[in-house]
Amino acid sequence: MMISCEDATKLVIMKSQERLSGWNVFRLALHLAMCKFCSLFQKQNSAIDDAAKELDNHRHFHLPENAKHRIMDEILK
């Protein structure tokens, strides 16, 4: 039932990009409640996402969808 830190990291990244299933939300929450390192990673990832969104609001540059998918594929390998 408990997931690894590697799996938790992948779920944190996926959560910032798409909606997780209820089961994955539960597994991630359980892991984050027990792992201070992954909890810290989630906070840092959120801060980076927020900063990137803020930067995107001030620029007219948009990453093409296929580039976003390639990046996500590389992260989740």
PDB file of N, CA and C in Angstrom:
ATOM      1  N   MET A   1       0.819  -1.183   0.000  1.00  0.00           N
ATOM      2  CA  MET A   1       0.000   0.000   0.000  1.00  0.00           C
ATOM      3  C   MET A   1       0.871   1.258   0.000  1.00  0.00           C
ATOM      4  N   MET A   2       1.963   1.272   0.767  1.00  0.00           N
ATOM      5  CA  MET A   2       2.859   2.427   0.820  1.00  0.00           C
ATOM      6  C   MET A   2       3.666   2.493  -0.475  1.00  0.00           C
ATOM      7  N   ILE A   3       3.752   3.681  -1.043  1.00  0.00           N
ATOM      8  CA  ILE A   3       4.511   3.852  -2.280  1.00  0.00           C
ATOM      9  C   ILE A   3       5.914   4.349  -1.963  1.00  0.00           C
ATOM     10  N   SER A   4       6.796   4.188  -2.927  1.00  0.00           N
ATOM     11  CA  SER A   4       8.179   4.632  -2.764  1.00  0.00           C
ATOM     12  C   SER A   4       8.266   6.149  -2.961  1.00  0.00           C
ATOM     13  N   CYS A   5       9.383   6.708  -2.554  1.00  0.00           N
ATOM     14  CA  CYS A   5       9.621   8.133  -2.781  1.00  0.00           C
ATOM     15  C   CYS A   5       9.651   8.451  -4.275  1.00  0.00           C
ATOM     16  N   GLU A   6      10.184   7.548  -5.063  1.00  0.00           N
ATOM     17  CA  GLU A   6      10.221   7.757  -6.510  1.00  0.00           C
ATOM     18  C   GLU A   6       8.802   7.839  -7.070  1.00  0.00           C
ATOM     19  N   ASP A   7       7.936   6.926  -6.648  1.00  0.00           N
ATOM     20  CA  ASP A   7       6.543   6.955  -7.109  1.00  0.00           C
ATOM     21  C   ASP A   7       5.828   8.204  -6.605  1.00  0.00           C
ATOM     22  N   ALA A   8       6.101   8.602  -5.370  1.00  0.00           N
ATOM     23  CA  ALA A   8       5.486   9.808  -4.808  1.00  0.00           C
ATOM     24  C   ALA A   8       5.911  11.038  -5.610  1.00  0.00           C
ATOM     25  N   THR A   9       7.170  11.092  -5.972  1.00  0.00           N
ATOM     26  CA  THR A   9       7.670  12.213  -6.769  1.00  0.00           C
ATOM     27  C   THR A   9       6.944  12.290  -8.106  1.00  0.00           C
ATOM     28  N   LYS A  10       6.784  11.150  -8.745  1.00  0.00           N
ATOM     29  CA  LYS A  10       6.057  11.117 -10.028  1.00  0.00           C
ATOM     30  C   LYS A  10       4.617  11.577  -9.847  1.00  0.00           C
ATOM     31  N   LEU A  11       3.968  11.146  -8.775  1.00  0.00           N
ATOM     32  CA  LEU A  11       2.586  11.554  -8.535  1.00  0.00           C
ATOM     33  C   LEU A  11       2.483  13.049  -8.238  1.00  0.00           C
ATOM     34  N   VAL A  12       3.456  13.589  -7.513  1.00  0.00           N
ATOM     35  CA  VAL A  12       3.462  15.032  -7.243  1.00  0.00           C
ATOM     36  C   VAL A  12       3.547  15.798  -8.560  1.00  0.00           C
ATOM     37  N   ILE A  13       4.415  15.361  -9.441  1.00  0.00           N
ATOM     38  CA  ILE A  13       4.568  16.029 -10.742  1.00  0.00           C
ATOM     39  C   ILE A  13       3.301  15.872 -11.567  1.00  0.00           C
ATOM     40  N   MET A  14       2.755  14.666 -11.597  1.00  0.00           N
ATOM     41  CA  MET A  14       1.519  14.434 -12.347  1.00  0.00           C
ATOM     42  C   MET A  14       0.372  15.275 -11.787  1.00  0.00           C
ATOM     43  N   LYS A  15       0.308  15.396 -10.466  1.00  0.00           N
ATOM     44  CA  LYS A  15      -0.761  16.159  -9.817  1.00  0.00           C
ATOM     45  C   LYS A  15      -0.727  17.618 -10.249  1.00  0.00           C
ATOM     46  N   SER A  16       0.454  18.144 -10.486  1.00  0.00           N
ATOM     47  CA  SER A  16       0.553  19.547 -10.897  1.00  0.00           C
ATOM     48  C   SER A  16       0.148  19.742 -12.360  1.00  0.00           C
ATOM     49  N   GLN A  17       0.090  18.652 -13.119  1.00  0.00           N
ATOM     50  CA  GLN A  17      -0.233  18.745 -14.541  1.00  0.00           C
ATOM     51  C   GLN A  17      -1.633  18.232 -14.893  1.00  0.00           C
ATOM     52  N   GLU A  18      -2.161  17.334 -14.078  1.00  0.00           N
ATOM     53  CA  GLU A  18      -3.450  16.718 -14.379  1.00  0.00           C
ATOM     54  C   GLU A  18      -4.104  16.240 -13.088  1.00  0.00           C
ATOM     55  N   ARG A  19      -5.337  15.845 -13.194  1.00  0.00           N
ATOM     56  CA  ARG A  19      -6.080  15.360 -12.023  1.00  0.00           C
ATOM     57  C   ARG A  19      -5.731  13.896 -11.772  1.00  0.00           C
ATOM     58  N   LEU A  20      -5.396  13.575 -10.525  1.00  0.00           N
ATOM     59  CA  LEU A  20      -5.084  12.200 -10.146  1.00  0.00           C
ATOM     60  C   LEU A  20      -6.359  11.448  -9.796  1.00  0.00           C
ATOM     61  N   SER A  21      -6.312  10.138  -9.940  1.00  0.00           N
ATOM     62  CA  SER A  21      -7.429   9.303  -9.509  1.00  0.00           C
ATOM     63  C   SER A  21      -7.528   9.368  -7.988  1.00  0.00           C
ATOM     64  N   GLY A  22      -8.685   9.030  -7.460  1.00  0.00           N
ATOM     65  CA  GLY A  22      -8.885   9.032  -6.013  1.00  0.00           C
ATOM     66  C   GLY A  22      -7.894   8.135  -5.298  1.00  0.00           C
ATOM     67  N   TRP A  23      -7.602   6.978  -5.895  1.00  0.00           N
ATOM     68  CA  TRP A  23      -6.659   6.036  -5.298  1.00  0.00           C
ATOM     69  C   TRP A  23      -5.263   6.643  -5.220  1.00  0.00           C
ATOM     70  N   ASN A  24      -4.840   7.294  -6.291  1.00  0.00           N
ATOM     71  CA  ASN A  24      -3.501   7.907  -6.290  1.00  0.00           C
ATOM     72  C   ASN A  24      -3.430   9.095  -5.338  1.00  0.00           C
ATOM     73  N   VAL A  25      -4.514   9.846  -5.220  1.00  0.00           N
ATOM     74  CA  VAL A  25      -4.554  10.946  -4.254  1.00  0.00           C
ATOM     75  C   VAL A  25      -4.367  10.392  -2.845  1.00  0.00           C
ATOM     76  N   PHE A  26      -5.064   9.302  -2.534  1.00  0.00           N
ATOM     77  CA  PHE A  26      -4.953   8.674  -1.221  1.00  0.00           C
ATOM     78  C   PHE A  26      -3.539   8.166  -0.964  1.00  0.00           C
ATOM     79  N   ARG A  27      -2.970   7.442  -1.940  1.00  0.00           N
ATOM     80  CA  ARG A  27      -1.620   6.888  -1.769  1.00  0.00           C
ATOM     81  C   ARG A  27      -0.594   7.995  -1.580  1.00  0.00           C
ATOM     82  N   LEU A  28      -0.736   9.071  -2.365  1.00  0.00           N
ATOM     83  CA  LEU A  28       0.197  10.191  -2.247  1.00  0.00           C
ATOM     84  C   LEU A  28       0.047  10.873  -0.889  1.00  0.00           C
ATOM     85  N   ALA A  29      -1.178  11.116  -0.465  1.00  0.00           N
ATOM     86  CA  ALA A  29      -1.409  11.768   0.830  1.00  0.00           C
ATOM     87  C   ALA A  29      -0.833  10.935   1.970  1.00  0.00           C
ATOM     88  N   LEU A  30      -1.000   9.637   1.905  1.00  0.00           N
ATOM     89  CA  LEU A  30      -0.455   8.748   2.930  1.00  0.00           C
ATOM     90  C   LEU A  30       1.071   8.842   2.968  1.00  0.00           C
ATOM     91  N   HIS A  31       1.682   8.819   1.811  1.00  0.00           N
ATOM     92  CA  HIS A  31       3.143   8.909   1.741  1.00  0.00           C
ATOM     93  C   HIS A  31       3.627  10.269   2.260  1.00  0.00           C
ATOM     94  N   LEU A  32       2.964  11.342   1.823  1.00  0.00           N
ATOM     95  CA  LEU A  32       3.390  12.678   2.231  1.00  0.00           C
ATOM     96  C   LEU A  32       3.236  12.892   3.739  1.00  0.00           C
ATOM     97  N   ALA A  33       2.255  12.229   4.330  1.00  0.00           N
ATOM     98  CA  ALA A  33       2.064  12.344   5.775  1.00  0.00           C
ATOM     99  C   ALA A  33       3.215  11.708   6.544  1.00  0.00           C
ATOM    100  N   MET A  34       3.911  10.777   5.907  1.00  0.00           N
ATOM    101  CA  MET A  34       4.981  10.052   6.586  1.00  0.00           C
ATOM    102  C   MET A  34       6.383  10.446   6.142  1.00  0.00           C
ATOM    103  N   CYS A  35       6.488  11.135   5.026  1.00  0.00           N
ATOM    104  CA  CYS A  35       7.816  11.419   4.458  1.00  0.00           C
ATOM    105  C   CYS A  35       8.037  12.931   4.352  1.00  0.00           C
ATOM    106  N   LYS A  36       8.891  13.456   5.219  1.00  0.00           N
ATOM    107  CA  LYS A  36       9.130  14.900   5.215  1.00  0.00           C
ATOM    108  C   LYS A  36       9.870  15.355   3.956  1.00  0.00           C
ATOM    109  N   PHE A  37      10.666  14.473   3.369  1.00  0.00           N
ATOM    110  CA  PHE A  37      11.427  14.854   2.178  1.00  0.00           C
ATOM    111  C   PHE A  37      10.506  15.024   0.968  1.00  0.00           C
ATOM    112  N   CYS A  38       9.582  14.091   0.791  1.00  0.00           N
ATOM    113  CA  CYS A  38       8.641  14.197  -0.322  1.00  0.00           C
ATOM    114  C   CYS A  38       7.655  15.336  -0.093  1.00  0.00           C
ATOM    115  N   SER A  39       7.292  15.572   1.164  1.00  0.00           N
ATOM    116  CA  SER A  39       6.424  16.697   1.493  1.00  0.00           C
ATOM    117  C   SER A  39       7.111  18.015   1.131  1.00  0.00           C
ATOM    118  N   LEU A  40       8.384  18.109   1.437  1.00  0.00           N
ATOM    119  CA  LEU A  40       9.159  19.292   1.074  1.00  0.00           C
ATOM    120  C   LEU A  40       9.246  19.425  -0.447  1.00  0.00           C
ATOM    121  N   PHE A  41       9.460  18.293  -1.149  1.00  0.00           N
ATOM    122  CA  PHE A  41       9.510  18.324  -2.607  1.00  0.00           C
ATOM    123  C   PHE A  41       8.202  18.859  -3.176  1.00  0.00           C
ATOM    124  N   GLN A  42       7.067  18.422  -2.611  1.00  0.00           N
ATOM    125  CA  GLN A  42       5.773  18.890  -3.105  1.00  0.00           C
ATOM    126  C   GLN A  42       5.646  20.407  -2.928  1.00  0.00           C
ATOM    127  N   LYS A  43       6.078  20.934  -1.791  1.00  0.00           N
ATOM    128  CA  LYS A  43       6.027  22.375  -1.543  1.00  0.00           C
ATOM    129  C   LYS A  43       6.918  23.123  -2.535  1.00  0.00           C
ATOM    130  N   GLN A  44       8.121  22.595  -2.770  1.00  0.00           N
ATOM    131  CA  GLN A  44       9.038  23.239  -3.701  1.00  0.00           C
ATOM    132  C   GLN A  44       8.489  23.178  -5.125  1.00  0.00           C
ATOM    133  N   ASN A  45       7.908  22.044  -5.488  1.00  0.00           N
ATOM    134  CA  ASN A  45       7.340  21.887  -6.826  1.00  0.00           C
ATOM    135  C   ASN A  45       6.186  22.864  -7.033  1.00  0.00           C
ATOM    136  N   SER A  46       5.372  23.044  -6.005  1.00  0.00           N
ATOM    137  CA  SER A  46       4.266  24.004  -6.074  1.00  0.00           C
ATOM    138  C   SER A  46       4.794  25.429  -6.259  1.00  0.00           C
ATOM    139  N   ALA A  47       5.841  25.761  -5.526  1.00  0.00           N
ATOM    140  CA  ALA A  47       6.428  27.097  -5.637  1.00  0.00           C
ATOM    141  C   ALA A  47       6.974  27.339  -7.046  1.00  0.00           C
ATOM    142  N   ILE A  48       7.614  26.330  -7.607  1.00  0.00           N
ATOM    143  CA  ILE A  48       8.150  26.449  -8.973  1.00  0.00           C
ATOM    144  C   ILE A  48       7.013  26.592  -9.975  1.00  0.00           C
ATOM    145  N   ASP A  49       5.963  25.782  -9.819  1.00  0.00           N
ATOM    146  CA  ASP A  49       4.802  25.879 -10.714  1.00  0.00           C
ATOM    147  C   ASP A  49       4.162  27.259 -10.642  1.00  0.00           C
ATOM    148  N   ASP A  50       3.995  27.786  -9.419  1.00  0.00           N
ATOM    149  CA  ASP A  50       3.406  29.113  -9.247  1.00  0.00           C
ATOM    150  C   ASP A  50       4.265  30.189  -9.902  1.00  0.00           C
ATOM    151  N   ALA A  51       5.572  30.088  -9.728  1.00  0.00           N
ATOM    152  CA  ALA A  51       6.484  31.067 -10.337  1.00  0.00           C
ATOM    153  C   ALA A  51       6.440  30.978 -11.857  1.00  0.00           C
ATOM    154  N   ALA A  52       6.372  29.769 -12.378  1.00  0.00           N
ATOM    155  CA  ALA A  52       6.306  29.590 -13.830  1.00  0.00           C
ATOM    156  C   ALA A  52       5.003  30.159 -14.389  1.00  0.00           C
ATOM    157  N   LYS A  53       3.895  29.957 -13.684  1.00  0.00           N
ATOM    158  CA  LYS A  53       2.610  30.510 -14.135  1.00  0.00           C
ATOM    159  C   LYS A  53       2.644  32.031 -14.109  1.00  0.00           C
ATOM    160  N   GLU A  54       3.243  32.583 -13.061  1.00  0.00           N
ATOM    161  CA  GLU A  54       3.354  34.035 -12.957  1.00  0.00           C
ATOM    162  C   GLU A  54       4.216  34.583 -14.092  1.00  0.00           C
ATOM    163  N   LEU A  55       5.314  33.915 -14.380  1.00  0.00           N
ATOM    164  CA  LEU A  55       6.180  34.323 -15.485  1.00  0.00           C
ATOM    165  C   LEU A  55       5.426  34.232 -16.808  1.00  0.00           C
ATOM    166  N   ASP A  56       4.662  33.167 -16.963  1.00  0.00           N
ATOM    167  CA  ASP A  56       3.898  32.972 -18.194  1.00  0.00           C
ATOM    168  C   ASP A  56       2.857  34.075 -18.375  1.00  0.00           C
ATOM    169  N   ASN A  57       2.322  34.587 -17.276  1.00  0.00           N
ATOM    170  CA  ASN A  57       1.343  35.668 -17.360  1.00  0.00           C
ATOM    171  C   ASN A  57       1.957  36.963 -17.873  1.00  0.00           C
ATOM    172  N   HIS A  58       3.277  37.087 -17.756  1.00  0.00           N
ATOM    173  CA  HIS A  58       3.950  38.308 -18.163  1.00  0.00           C
ATOM    174  C   HIS A  58       4.648  38.186 -19.516  1.00  0.00           C
ATOM    175  N   ARG A  59       4.561  37.037 -20.099  1.00  0.00           N
ATOM    176  CA  ARG A  59       5.203  36.835 -21.406  1.00  0.00           C
ATOM    177  C   ARG A  59       4.183  36.277 -22.375  1.00  0.00           C
ATOM    178  N   HIS A  60       4.497  36.385 -23.614  1.00  0.00           N
ATOM    179  CA  HIS A  60       3.597  35.869 -24.637  1.00  0.00           C
ATOM    180  C   HIS A  60       4.149  34.588 -25.250  1.00  0.00           C
ATOM    181  N   PHE A  61       4.955  33.890 -24.478  1.00  0.00           N
ATOM    182  CA  PHE A  61       5.542  32.632 -24.931  1.00  0.00           C
ATOM    183  C   PHE A  61       4.729  31.478 -24.360  1.00  0.00           C
ATOM    184  N   HIS A  62       4.372  30.545 -25.218  1.00  0.00           N
ATOM    185  CA  HIS A  62       3.645  29.363 -24.772  1.00  0.00           C
ATOM    186  C   HIS A  62       4.316  28.125 -25.347  1.00  0.00           C
ATOM    187  N   LEU A  63       4.588  27.183 -24.493  1.00  0.00           N
ATOM    188  CA  LEU A  63       5.204  25.927 -24.903  1.00  0.00           C
ATOM    189  C   LEU A  63       4.158  25.097 -25.644  1.00  0.00           C
ATOM    190  N   PRO A  64       4.497  24.607 -26.837  1.00  0.00           N
ATOM    191  CA  PRO A  64       3.537  23.778 -27.584  1.00  0.00           C
ATOM    192  C   PRO A  64       3.174  22.518 -26.800  1.00  0.00           C
ATOM    193  N   GLU A  65       1.950  22.035 -26.995  1.00  0.00           N
ATOM    194  CA  GLU A  65       1.466  20.867 -26.273  1.00  0.00           C
ATOM    195  C   GLU A  65       2.367  19.651 -26.473  1.00  0.00           C
ATOM    196  N   ASN A  66       2.867  19.426 -27.694  1.00  0.00           N
ATOM    197  CA  ASN A  66       3.721  18.251 -27.926  1.00  0.00           C
ATOM    198  C   ASN A  66       5.032  18.364 -27.148  1.00  0.00           C
ATOM    199  N   ALA A  67       5.540  19.580 -26.955  1.00  0.00           N
ATOM    200  CA  ALA A  67       6.756  19.769 -26.160  1.00  0.00           C
ATOM    201  C   ALA A  67       6.466  19.490 -24.687  1.00  0.00           C
ATOM    202  N   LYS A  68       5.298  19.911 -24.207  1.00  0.00           N
ATOM    203  CA  LYS A  68       4.913  19.627 -22.824  1.00  0.00           C
ATOM    204  C   LYS A  68       4.843  18.119 -22.583  1.00  0.00           C
ATOM    205  N   HIS A  69       4.260  17.401 -23.540  1.00  0.00           N
ATOM    206  CA  HIS A  69       4.140  15.946 -23.406  1.00  0.00           C
ATOM    207  C   HIS A  69       5.515  15.275 -23.425  1.00  0.00           C
ATOM    208  N   ARG A  70       6.406  15.742 -24.275  1.00  0.00           N
ATOM    209  CA  ARG A  70       7.758  15.170 -24.317  1.00  0.00           C
ATOM    210  C   ARG A  70       8.478  15.398 -22.996  1.00  0.00           C
ATOM    211  N   ILE A  71       8.348  16.577 -22.431  1.00  0.00           N
ATOM    212  CA  ILE A  71       8.985  16.881 -21.148  1.00  0.00           C
ATOM    213  C   ILE A  71       8.419  15.985 -20.050  1.00  0.00           C
ATOM    214  N   MET A  72       7.096  15.849 -19.995  1.00  0.00           N
ATOM    215  CA  MET A  72       6.465  14.997 -18.986  1.00  0.00           C
ATOM    216  C   MET A  72       6.910  13.547 -19.156  1.00  0.00           C
ATOM    217  N   ASP A  73       7.000  13.072 -20.385  1.00  0.00           N
ATOM    218  CA  ASP A  73       7.463  11.700 -20.628  1.00  0.00           C
ATOM    219  C   ASP A  73       8.881  11.492 -20.094  1.00  0.00           C
ATOM    220  N   GLU A  74       9.753  12.482 -20.299  1.00  0.00           N
ATOM    221  CA  GLU A  74      11.122  12.372 -19.821  1.00  0.00           C
ATOM    222  C   GLU A  74      11.181  12.398 -18.288  1.00  0.00           C
ATOM    223  N   ILE A  75      10.367  13.242 -17.669  1.00  0.00           N
ATOM    224  CA  ILE A  75      10.354  13.335 -16.212  1.00  0.00           C
ATOM    225  C   ILE A  75       9.874  12.037 -15.591  1.00  0.00           C
ATOM    226  N   LEU A  76       8.876  11.432 -16.207  1.00  0.00           N
ATOM    227  CA  LEU A  76       8.241  10.261 -15.605  1.00  0.00           C
ATOM    228  C   LEU A  76       8.899   8.944 -15.980  1.00  0.00           C
ATOM    229  N   LYS A  77      10.008   8.992 -16.689  1.00  0.00           N
ATOM    230  CA  LYS A  77      10.734   7.748 -17.026  1.00  0.00           C
ATOM    231  C   LYS A  77      11.266   7.091 -15.796  1.00  0.00           C
TER     232      LYS A  77
END
